[in-house]
Amino acid sequence: MKIAKKVITKNIKDNWFTKIVNSLEGIDCGIYVKDLIKLSQSKQKIKVSELQGFIVEYLKSKFPEYNWHSEYKIDGVKRDLIDIYGEKNDNVFIIELDKWRADQIPKKVISRTALLINKNIGFVSLCYGGTPSMSKAESIKYFSYCEIVMSKLNNFYSGLIIE
């Protein structure tokens, strides 16, 4: 089960955002998400936390010029933690890990973007299987909507799926 790129901001050349996103594509995450939907919620949380740690360590080794964090807390905000956060100068790279629930995708994009509105944001929704009733196709549709909004704000967006 590998990371696959489904959507990325259109008409951008090889910039800081595309370099990081392209490096994630093809990473094998099967050890963390295989049969995840068969586990209890508490066991799923452990596996996703392990996946998060794996990705952070990968990014630290591949892009050491960024200051990478897991469970990053934005100054002055009480509860919204960003799953994976990397910053270099005014460029902010965000990854939110979620089940492919279409309602979660735009909610996270809008809230994180609003809180960091004065930064150059590169946002990645990285989704994995949740339950049989959750629609991967609908999530991919919402990836496209998020890409439109982020582009209009002069930011970058990518929707990735682990499949």
N, C-alpha and C. Protein backbone atom coordinates (compact mmCIF):
# COMPACT_ATOMS: atom_id res chain seq x y z
N MET A 1 0.85 -1.17 0.00
CA MET A 1 0.00 0.00 0.00
C MET A 1 0.90 1.24 0.00
N LYS A 2 0.82 1.97 -1.10
CA LYS A 2 1.73 3.09 -1.31
C LYS A 2 0.97 4.40 -1.45
N ILE A 3 1.69 5.48 -1.21
CA ILE A 3 1.12 6.82 -1.36
C ILE A 3 1.00 7.12 -2.85
N ALA A 4 -0.20 7.52 -3.26
CA ALA A 4 -0.46 7.87 -4.66
C ALA A 4 -1.01 9.29 -4.73
N LYS A 5 -0.47 10.05 -5.65
CA LYS A 5 -0.92 11.43 -5.85
C LYS A 5 -2.18 11.41 -6.71
N LYS A 6 -3.24 12.03 -6.23
CA LYS A 6 -4.49 12.11 -6.98
C LYS A 6 -4.75 13.51 -7.52
N VAL A 7 -4.34 14.52 -6.76
CA VAL A 7 -4.56 15.92 -7.17
C VAL A 7 -3.35 16.72 -6.70
N ILE A 8 -2.92 17.66 -7.54
CA ILE A 8 -1.89 18.63 -7.14
C ILE A 8 -2.18 19.94 -7.86
N THR A 9 -1.82 21.04 -7.24
CA THR A 9 -2.04 22.35 -7.82
C THR A 9 -1.55 22.36 -9.26
N LYS A 10 -2.39 22.86 -10.13
CA LYS A 10 -2.08 22.89 -11.56
C LYS A 10 -1.08 24.01 -11.88
N ASN A 11 -0.37 23.81 -12.95
CA ASN A 11 0.51 24.83 -13.54
C ASN A 11 1.61 25.34 -12.61
N ILE A 12 2.12 24.47 -11.77
CA ILE A 12 3.30 24.87 -10.99
C ILE A 12 4.48 24.05 -11.49
N LYS A 13 5.59 24.72 -11.52
CA LYS A 13 6.81 24.04 -11.95
C LYS A 13 7.40 23.31 -10.76
N ASP A 14 8.60 22.88 -10.90
CA ASP A 14 9.29 22.14 -9.85
C ASP A 14 9.72 23.10 -8.75
N ASN A 15 8.82 23.37 -7.81
CA ASN A 15 9.14 24.28 -6.71
C ASN A 15 9.28 23.49 -5.41
N TRP A 16 9.41 24.18 -4.30
CA TRP A 16 9.59 23.54 -2.99
C TRP A 16 8.45 22.58 -2.68
N PHE A 17 7.23 22.97 -3.01
CA PHE A 17 6.06 22.13 -2.71
C PHE A 17 6.06 20.85 -3.54
N THR A 18 6.24 20.98 -4.84
CA THR A 18 6.21 19.79 -5.70
C THR A 18 7.35 18.84 -5.36
N LYS A 19 8.50 19.37 -4.97
CA LYS A 19 9.62 18.49 -4.61
C LYS A 19 9.26 17.61 -3.41
N ILE A 20 8.64 18.21 -2.41
CA ILE A 20 8.27 17.42 -1.22
C ILE A 20 7.16 16.44 -1.55
N VAL A 21 6.12 16.90 -2.25
CA VAL A 21 5.01 16.02 -2.60
C VAL A 21 5.49 14.86 -3.46
N ASN A 22 6.29 15.15 -4.47
CA ASN A 22 6.78 14.09 -5.36
C ASN A 22 7.63 13.07 -4.61
N SER A 23 8.33 13.53 -3.59
CA SER A 23 9.15 12.58 -2.82
C SER A 23 8.30 11.61 -2.00
N LEU A 24 7.09 12.03 -1.64
CA LEU A 24 6.19 11.17 -0.86
C LEU A 24 5.53 10.09 -1.71
N GLU A 25 5.35 10.40 -2.98
CA GLU A 25 4.66 9.46 -3.87
C GLU A 25 5.42 8.15 -3.98
N GLY A 26 4.71 7.07 -3.76
CA GLY A 26 5.30 5.75 -3.88
C GLY A 26 5.85 5.18 -2.59
N ILE A 27 5.85 5.96 -1.51
CA ILE A 27 6.34 5.43 -0.23
C ILE A 27 5.39 4.33 0.25
N ASP A 28 5.96 3.23 0.64
CA ASP A 28 5.16 2.08 1.11
C ASP A 28 4.76 2.29 2.56
N CYS A 29 3.45 2.37 2.79
CA CYS A 29 2.90 2.59 4.13
C CYS A 29 2.06 1.41 4.59
N GLY A 30 2.18 0.29 3.88
CA GLY A 30 1.35 -0.87 4.16
C GLY A 30 1.43 -1.36 5.59
N ILE A 31 2.60 -1.30 6.17
CA ILE A 31 2.78 -1.77 7.55
C ILE A 31 1.88 -1.01 8.52
N TYR A 32 1.52 0.22 8.18
CA TYR A 32 0.71 1.06 9.07
C TYR A 32 -0.78 1.00 8.77
N VAL A 33 -1.15 0.80 7.50
CA VAL A 33 -2.57 0.93 7.14
C VAL A 33 -3.23 -0.35 6.63
N LYS A 34 -2.45 -1.39 6.40
CA LYS A 34 -3.05 -2.64 5.92
C LYS A 34 -3.99 -3.18 6.99
N ASP A 35 -5.21 -3.46 6.60
CA ASP A 35 -6.24 -3.99 7.49
C ASP A 35 -6.59 -3.04 8.63
N LEU A 36 -6.32 -1.77 8.46
CA LEU A 36 -6.60 -0.78 9.49
C LEU A 36 -8.08 -0.77 9.86
N ILE A 37 -8.95 -0.90 8.87
CA ILE A 37 -10.39 -0.80 9.15
C ILE A 37 -10.91 -1.97 9.98
N LYS A 38 -10.11 -3.01 10.12
CA LYS A 38 -10.53 -4.16 10.94
C LYS A 38 -10.19 -3.97 12.41
N LEU A 39 -9.41 -2.91 12.72
CA LEU A 39 -8.96 -2.68 14.09
C LEU A 39 -9.93 -1.78 14.85
N SER A 40 -9.88 -1.86 16.16
CA SER A 40 -10.67 -0.95 17.00
C SER A 40 -10.14 0.47 16.82
N GLN A 41 -10.94 1.45 17.21
CA GLN A 41 -10.52 2.85 17.08
C GLN A 41 -9.22 3.14 17.83
N SER A 42 -9.07 2.56 19.02
CA SER A 42 -7.85 2.81 19.80
C SER A 42 -6.62 2.21 19.12
N LYS A 43 -6.77 1.04 18.52
CA LYS A 43 -5.64 0.43 17.81
C LYS A 43 -5.35 1.16 16.49
N GLN A 44 -6.41 1.66 15.85
CA GLN A 44 -6.22 2.46 14.64
C GLN A 44 -5.40 3.71 14.96
N LYS A 45 -5.74 4.34 16.08
CA LYS A 45 -5.03 5.56 16.49
C LYS A 45 -3.54 5.30 16.67
N ILE A 46 -3.19 4.17 17.24
CA ILE A 46 -1.79 3.80 17.44
C ILE A 46 -1.09 3.65 16.09
N LYS A 47 -1.73 2.92 15.17
CA LYS A 47 -1.12 2.69 13.85
C LYS A 47 -0.94 4.01 13.07
N VAL A 48 -1.93 4.89 13.15
CA VAL A 48 -1.85 6.17 12.45
C VAL A 48 -0.77 7.04 13.08
N SER A 49 -0.64 6.99 14.38
CA SER A 49 0.43 7.72 15.07
C SER A 49 1.80 7.21 14.62
N GLU A 50 1.93 5.91 14.44
CA GLU A 50 3.18 5.33 13.94
C GLU A 50 3.44 5.79 12.50
N LEU A 51 2.40 5.83 11.68
CA LEU A 51 2.52 6.33 10.31
C LEU A 51 2.99 7.78 10.32
N GLN A 52 2.40 8.58 11.17
CA GLN A 52 2.76 9.98 11.29
C GLN A 52 4.25 10.13 11.65
N GLY A 53 4.69 9.36 12.63
CA GLY A 53 6.10 9.40 13.02
C GLY A 53 7.02 8.98 11.90
N PHE A 54 6.62 7.95 11.17
CA PHE A 54 7.41 7.46 10.03
C PHE A 54 7.57 8.56 8.97
N ILE A 55 6.48 9.26 8.65
CA ILE A 55 6.53 10.30 7.63
C ILE A 55 7.37 11.48 8.11
N VAL A 56 7.23 11.86 9.36
CA VAL A 56 8.03 12.97 9.89
C VAL A 56 9.52 12.63 9.81
N GLU A 57 9.89 11.43 10.21
CA GLU A 57 11.31 11.04 10.15
C GLU A 57 11.81 11.01 8.71
N TYR A 58 10.97 10.55 7.79
CA TYR A 58 11.33 10.55 6.37
C TYR A 58 11.60 11.98 5.90
N LEU A 59 10.68 12.90 6.24
CA LEU A 59 10.83 14.29 5.81
C LEU A 59 12.05 14.95 6.43
N LYS A 60 12.33 14.66 7.68
CA LYS A 60 13.52 15.21 8.33
C LYS A 60 14.79 14.77 7.62
N SER A 61 14.81 13.53 7.18
CA SER A 61 16.02 13.03 6.51
C SER A 61 16.13 13.54 5.08
N LYS A 62 15.01 13.70 4.41
CA LYS A 62 15.00 14.10 3.00
C LYS A 62 15.08 15.62 2.81
N PHE A 63 14.50 16.36 3.76
CA PHE A 63 14.44 17.82 3.67
C PHE A 63 14.85 18.44 5.00
N PRO A 64 16.13 18.29 5.37
CA PRO A 64 16.60 18.75 6.68
C PRO A 64 16.59 20.27 6.84
N GLU A 65 16.48 20.99 5.73
CA GLU A 65 16.47 22.45 5.81
C GLU A 65 15.15 22.99 6.38
N TYR A 66 14.15 22.13 6.48
CA TYR A 66 12.87 22.49 7.07
C TYR A 66 12.88 22.12 8.55
N ASN A 67 12.14 22.86 9.33
CA ASN A 67 11.96 22.56 10.74
C ASN A 67 10.65 21.76 10.84
N TRP A 68 10.75 20.44 11.03
CA TRP A 68 9.61 19.53 11.00
C TRP A 68 9.09 19.26 12.41
N HIS A 69 7.75 19.19 12.52
CA HIS A 69 7.09 18.90 13.79
C HIS A 69 5.93 17.93 13.57
N SER A 70 5.65 17.18 14.59
CA SER A 70 4.47 16.33 14.63
C SER A 70 3.55 16.90 15.70
N GLU A 71 2.25 16.91 15.44
CA GLU A 71 1.28 17.47 16.39
C GLU A 71 1.63 18.92 16.73
N TYR A 72 1.80 19.72 15.69
CA TYR A 72 2.23 21.11 15.84
C TYR A 72 1.07 21.99 16.31
N LYS A 73 1.34 22.78 17.31
CA LYS A 73 0.35 23.69 17.87
C LYS A 73 0.65 25.11 17.39
N ILE A 74 -0.30 25.73 16.74
CA ILE A 74 -0.16 27.10 16.26
C ILE A 74 -0.27 28.03 17.47
N ASP A 75 0.62 29.00 17.55
CA ASP A 75 0.60 29.96 18.66
C ASP A 75 -0.78 30.60 18.80
N GLY A 76 -1.28 30.63 20.02
CA GLY A 76 -2.54 31.29 20.31
C GLY A 76 -3.78 30.47 20.00
N VAL A 77 -3.61 29.27 19.48
CA VAL A 77 -4.75 28.42 19.15
C VAL A 77 -4.78 27.26 20.14
N LYS A 78 -5.91 27.06 20.77
CA LYS A 78 -5.98 26.08 21.86
C LYS A 78 -6.01 24.63 21.40
N ARG A 79 -6.83 24.30 20.40
CA ARG A 79 -7.06 22.88 20.16
C ARG A 79 -6.64 22.34 18.80
N ASP A 80 -6.51 23.15 17.81
CA ASP A 80 -6.20 22.64 16.47
C ASP A 80 -4.72 22.30 16.34
N LEU A 81 -4.41 21.00 16.35
CA LEU A 81 -3.04 20.54 16.14
C LEU A 81 -2.88 20.10 14.70
N ILE A 82 -1.78 20.47 14.09
CA ILE A 82 -1.48 20.05 12.73
C ILE A 82 -0.69 18.76 12.82
N ASP A 83 -1.12 17.75 12.06
CA ASP A 83 -0.48 16.42 12.15
C ASP A 83 1.01 16.49 11.85
N ILE A 84 1.37 17.06 10.70
CA ILE A 84 2.78 17.20 10.33
C ILE A 84 2.96 18.61 9.78
N TYR A 85 3.96 19.29 10.31
CA TYR A 85 4.19 20.68 9.98
C TYR A 85 5.67 20.89 9.72
N GLY A 86 5.97 21.50 8.58
CA GLY A 86 7.35 21.85 8.26
C GLY A 86 7.42 23.30 7.85
N GLU A 87 8.47 23.98 8.30
CA GLU A 87 8.58 25.40 7.98
C GLU A 87 10.02 25.75 7.61
N LYS A 88 10.12 26.54 6.57
CA LYS A 88 11.41 27.10 6.14
C LYS A 88 11.11 28.52 5.66
N ASN A 89 11.62 29.50 6.39
CA ASN A 89 11.32 30.91 6.11
C ASN A 89 9.80 31.10 6.18
N ASP A 90 9.18 31.63 5.12
CA ASP A 90 7.73 31.81 5.13
C ASP A 90 6.98 30.68 4.45
N ASN A 91 7.68 29.64 4.03
CA ASN A 91 7.03 28.48 3.42
C ASN A 91 6.64 27.48 4.49
N VAL A 92 5.37 27.13 4.50
CA VAL A 92 4.83 26.19 5.47
C VAL A 92 4.28 24.98 4.72
N PHE A 93 4.72 23.81 5.13
CA PHE A 93 4.25 22.56 4.52
C PHE A 93 3.44 21.82 5.58
N ILE A 94 2.19 21.52 5.26
CA ILE A 94 1.27 20.87 6.19
C ILE A 94 0.81 19.55 5.60
N ILE A 95 0.80 18.52 6.44
CA ILE A 95 0.16 17.25 6.06
C ILE A 95 -0.85 16.93 7.14
N GLU A 96 -2.08 16.71 6.71
CA GLU A 96 -3.12 16.22 7.61
C GLU A 96 -3.45 14.79 7.19
N LEU A 97 -3.34 13.87 8.14
CA LEU A 97 -3.64 12.46 7.93
C LEU A 97 -5.08 12.21 8.35
N ASP A 98 -5.88 11.65 7.46
CA ASP A 98 -7.28 11.39 7.77
C ASP A 98 -7.79 10.19 7.00
N LYS A 99 -8.82 9.59 7.56
CA LYS A 99 -9.56 8.58 6.80
C LYS A 99 -10.17 9.29 5.60
N TRP A 100 -10.43 8.56 4.53
CA TRP A 100 -11.00 9.24 3.37
C TRP A 100 -12.48 9.52 3.62
N ARG A 101 -12.67 10.55 4.46
CA ARG A 101 -13.99 11.11 4.76
C ARG A 101 -14.04 12.48 4.11
N ALA A 102 -14.89 12.61 3.13
CA ALA A 102 -14.93 13.85 2.34
C ALA A 102 -15.18 15.08 3.21
N ASP A 103 -15.93 14.96 4.29
CA ASP A 103 -16.22 16.13 5.12
C ASP A 103 -15.01 16.62 5.90
N GLN A 104 -14.08 15.74 6.22
CA GLN A 104 -12.89 16.13 6.98
C GLN A 104 -11.88 16.91 6.13
N ILE A 105 -11.83 16.62 4.87
CA ILE A 105 -10.81 17.20 4.00
C ILE A 105 -10.93 18.72 3.91
N PRO A 106 -12.07 19.27 3.47
CA PRO A 106 -12.15 20.75 3.37
C PRO A 106 -12.13 21.43 4.73
N LYS A 107 -12.66 20.78 5.74
CA LYS A 107 -12.67 21.35 7.09
C LYS A 107 -11.25 21.65 7.56
N LYS A 108 -10.35 20.71 7.36
CA LYS A 108 -8.96 20.91 7.78
C LYS A 108 -8.26 21.94 6.90
N VAL A 109 -8.50 21.89 5.60
CA VAL A 109 -7.85 22.85 4.69
C VAL A 109 -8.25 24.28 5.07
N ILE A 110 -9.52 24.52 5.26
CA ILE A 110 -10.00 25.87 5.56
C ILE A 110 -9.48 26.35 6.92
N SER A 111 -9.59 25.50 7.94
CA SER A 111 -9.18 25.95 9.28
C SER A 111 -7.68 26.21 9.35
N ARG A 112 -6.87 25.33 8.81
CA ARG A 112 -5.41 25.52 8.87
C ARG A 112 -4.98 26.72 8.03
N THR A 113 -5.59 26.89 6.88
CA THR A 113 -5.25 28.02 6.02
C THR A 113 -5.63 29.34 6.70
N ALA A 114 -6.79 29.39 7.32
CA ALA A 114 -7.22 30.61 8.02
C ALA A 114 -6.24 30.96 9.14
N LEU A 115 -5.77 29.96 9.87
CA LEU A 115 -4.87 30.21 10.99
C LEU A 115 -3.46 30.62 10.54
N LEU A 116 -3.10 30.30 9.31
CA LEU A 116 -1.76 30.61 8.80
C LEU A 116 -1.83 31.49 7.55
N ILE A 117 -2.83 32.33 7.49
CA ILE A 117 -3.15 33.09 6.27
C ILE A 117 -1.99 33.95 5.76
N ASN A 118 -1.07 34.35 6.61
CA ASN A 118 0.04 35.21 6.18
C ASN A 118 1.27 34.43 5.75
N LYS A 119 1.15 33.13 5.62
CA LYS A 119 2.27 32.28 5.20
C LYS A 119 2.04 31.77 3.78
N ASN A 120 3.11 31.29 3.15
CA ASN A 120 3.00 30.57 1.88
C ASN A 120 2.74 29.12 2.25
N ILE A 121 1.55 28.65 1.97
CA ILE A 121 1.13 27.34 2.46
C ILE A 121 1.15 26.31 1.35
N GLY A 122 1.73 25.17 1.67
CA GLY A 122 1.63 23.98 0.85
C GLY A 122 0.90 22.95 1.71
N PHE A 123 -0.28 22.55 1.31
CA PHE A 123 -1.13 21.70 2.13
C PHE A 123 -1.34 20.36 1.45
N VAL A 124 -1.17 19.29 2.23
CA VAL A 124 -1.40 17.94 1.72
C VAL A 124 -2.44 17.25 2.58
N SER A 125 -3.48 16.75 1.93
CA SER A 125 -4.43 15.85 2.57
C SER A 125 -3.95 14.44 2.22
N LEU A 126 -3.54 13.69 3.24
CA LEU A 126 -3.08 12.32 3.03
C LEU A 126 -4.10 11.40 3.66
N CYS A 127 -4.83 10.68 2.81
CA CYS A 127 -5.95 9.88 3.29
C CYS A 127 -5.71 8.39 3.13
N TYR A 128 -6.35 7.64 4.01
CA TYR A 128 -6.26 6.19 4.05
C TYR A 128 -7.66 5.64 4.31
N GLY A 129 -7.85 4.35 4.09
CA GLY A 129 -9.15 3.72 4.25
C GLY A 129 -9.70 3.87 5.66
N GLY A 130 -10.99 4.13 5.75
CA GLY A 130 -11.62 4.30 7.05
C GLY A 130 -12.57 3.15 7.34
N THR A 131 -13.75 3.22 6.75
CA THR A 131 -14.72 2.14 6.87
C THR A 131 -15.22 1.84 5.46
N PRO A 132 -15.85 0.69 5.29
CA PRO A 132 -16.36 0.36 3.95
C PRO A 132 -17.35 1.38 3.40
N SER A 133 -18.03 2.12 4.29
CA SER A 133 -19.03 3.08 3.82
C SER A 133 -18.44 4.43 3.42
N MET A 134 -17.17 4.67 3.71
CA MET A 134 -16.53 5.92 3.33
C MET A 134 -16.10 5.85 1.87
N SER A 135 -16.36 6.93 1.14
CA SER A 135 -16.12 6.95 -0.30
C SER A 135 -14.78 7.58 -0.67
N LYS A 136 -13.90 6.76 -1.21
CA LYS A 136 -12.63 7.28 -1.70
C LYS A 136 -12.87 8.23 -2.88
N ALA A 137 -13.81 7.89 -3.76
CA ALA A 137 -14.08 8.73 -4.93
C ALA A 137 -14.59 10.11 -4.52
N GLU A 138 -15.44 10.17 -3.50
CA GLU A 138 -15.94 11.47 -3.05
C GLU A 138 -14.81 12.28 -2.41
N SER A 139 -13.92 11.62 -1.71
CA SER A 139 -12.77 12.32 -1.13
C SER A 139 -11.91 12.93 -2.22
N ILE A 140 -11.68 12.19 -3.28
CA ILE A 140 -10.88 12.69 -4.40
C ILE A 140 -11.58 13.89 -5.05
N LYS A 141 -12.90 13.86 -5.12
CA LYS A 141 -13.66 15.00 -5.64
C LYS A 141 -13.39 16.24 -4.77
N TYR A 142 -13.37 16.06 -3.46
CA TYR A 142 -13.11 17.19 -2.56
C TYR A 142 -11.66 17.65 -2.63
N PHE A 143 -10.75 16.75 -2.95
CA PHE A 143 -9.37 17.17 -3.21
C PHE A 143 -9.37 18.25 -4.30
N SER A 144 -10.14 18.02 -5.36
CA SER A 144 -10.19 18.97 -6.48
C SER A 144 -10.74 20.31 -6.03
N TYR A 145 -11.76 20.30 -5.19
CA TYR A 145 -12.32 21.56 -4.68
C TYR A 145 -11.29 22.31 -3.84
N CYS A 146 -10.58 21.60 -2.99
CA CYS A 146 -9.55 22.23 -2.16
C CYS A 146 -8.44 22.81 -3.01
N GLU A 147 -8.09 22.14 -4.08
CA GLU A 147 -7.04 22.64 -4.99
C GLU A 147 -7.47 23.97 -5.59
N ILE A 148 -8.73 24.09 -5.97
CA ILE A 148 -9.24 25.34 -6.55
C ILE A 148 -9.13 26.47 -5.53
N VAL A 149 -9.60 26.24 -4.32
CA VAL A 149 -9.57 27.27 -3.28
C VAL A 149 -8.14 27.69 -2.95
N MET A 150 -7.27 26.71 -2.74
CA MET A 150 -5.88 27.03 -2.39
C MET A 150 -5.18 27.79 -3.52
N SER A 151 -5.46 27.43 -4.75
CA SER A 151 -4.86 28.14 -5.89
C SER A 151 -5.30 29.59 -5.93
N LYS A 152 -6.56 29.84 -5.66
CA LYS A 152 -7.09 31.21 -5.65
C LYS A 152 -6.43 32.04 -4.54
N LEU A 153 -5.97 31.37 -3.49
CA LEU A 153 -5.29 32.06 -2.39
C LEU A 153 -3.77 32.11 -2.61
N ASN A 154 -3.33 31.70 -3.81
CA ASN A 154 -1.90 31.66 -4.15
C ASN A 154 -1.10 30.72 -3.25
N ASN A 155 -1.75 29.64 -2.86
CA ASN A 155 -1.10 28.59 -2.09
C ASN A 155 -1.11 27.31 -2.92
N PHE A 156 -0.60 26.23 -2.34
CA PHE A 156 -0.48 24.96 -3.06
C PHE A 156 -1.24 23.87 -2.31
N TYR A 157 -1.74 22.91 -3.09
CA TYR A 157 -2.52 21.82 -2.50
C TYR A 157 -2.24 20.52 -3.24
N SER A 158 -2.25 19.44 -2.47
CA SER A 158 -2.19 18.10 -3.06
C SER A 158 -3.04 17.16 -2.23
N GLY A 159 -3.74 16.30 -2.92
CA GLY A 159 -4.51 15.24 -2.28
C GLY A 159 -3.85 13.91 -2.59
N LEU A 160 -3.45 13.20 -1.54
CA LEU A 160 -2.77 11.91 -1.67
C LEU A 160 -3.61 10.84 -0.99
N ILE A 161 -3.55 9.64 -1.55
CA ILE A 161 -4.27 8.48 -1.00
C ILE A 161 -3.27 7.36 -0.79
N ILE A 162 -3.41 6.65 0.30
CA ILE A 162 -2.64 5.43 0.49
C ILE A 162 -3.51 4.29 0.02
N GLU A 163 -3.07 3.63 -1.06
CA GLU A 163 -3.87 2.52 -1.62
C GLU A 163 -2.96 1.41 -2.11
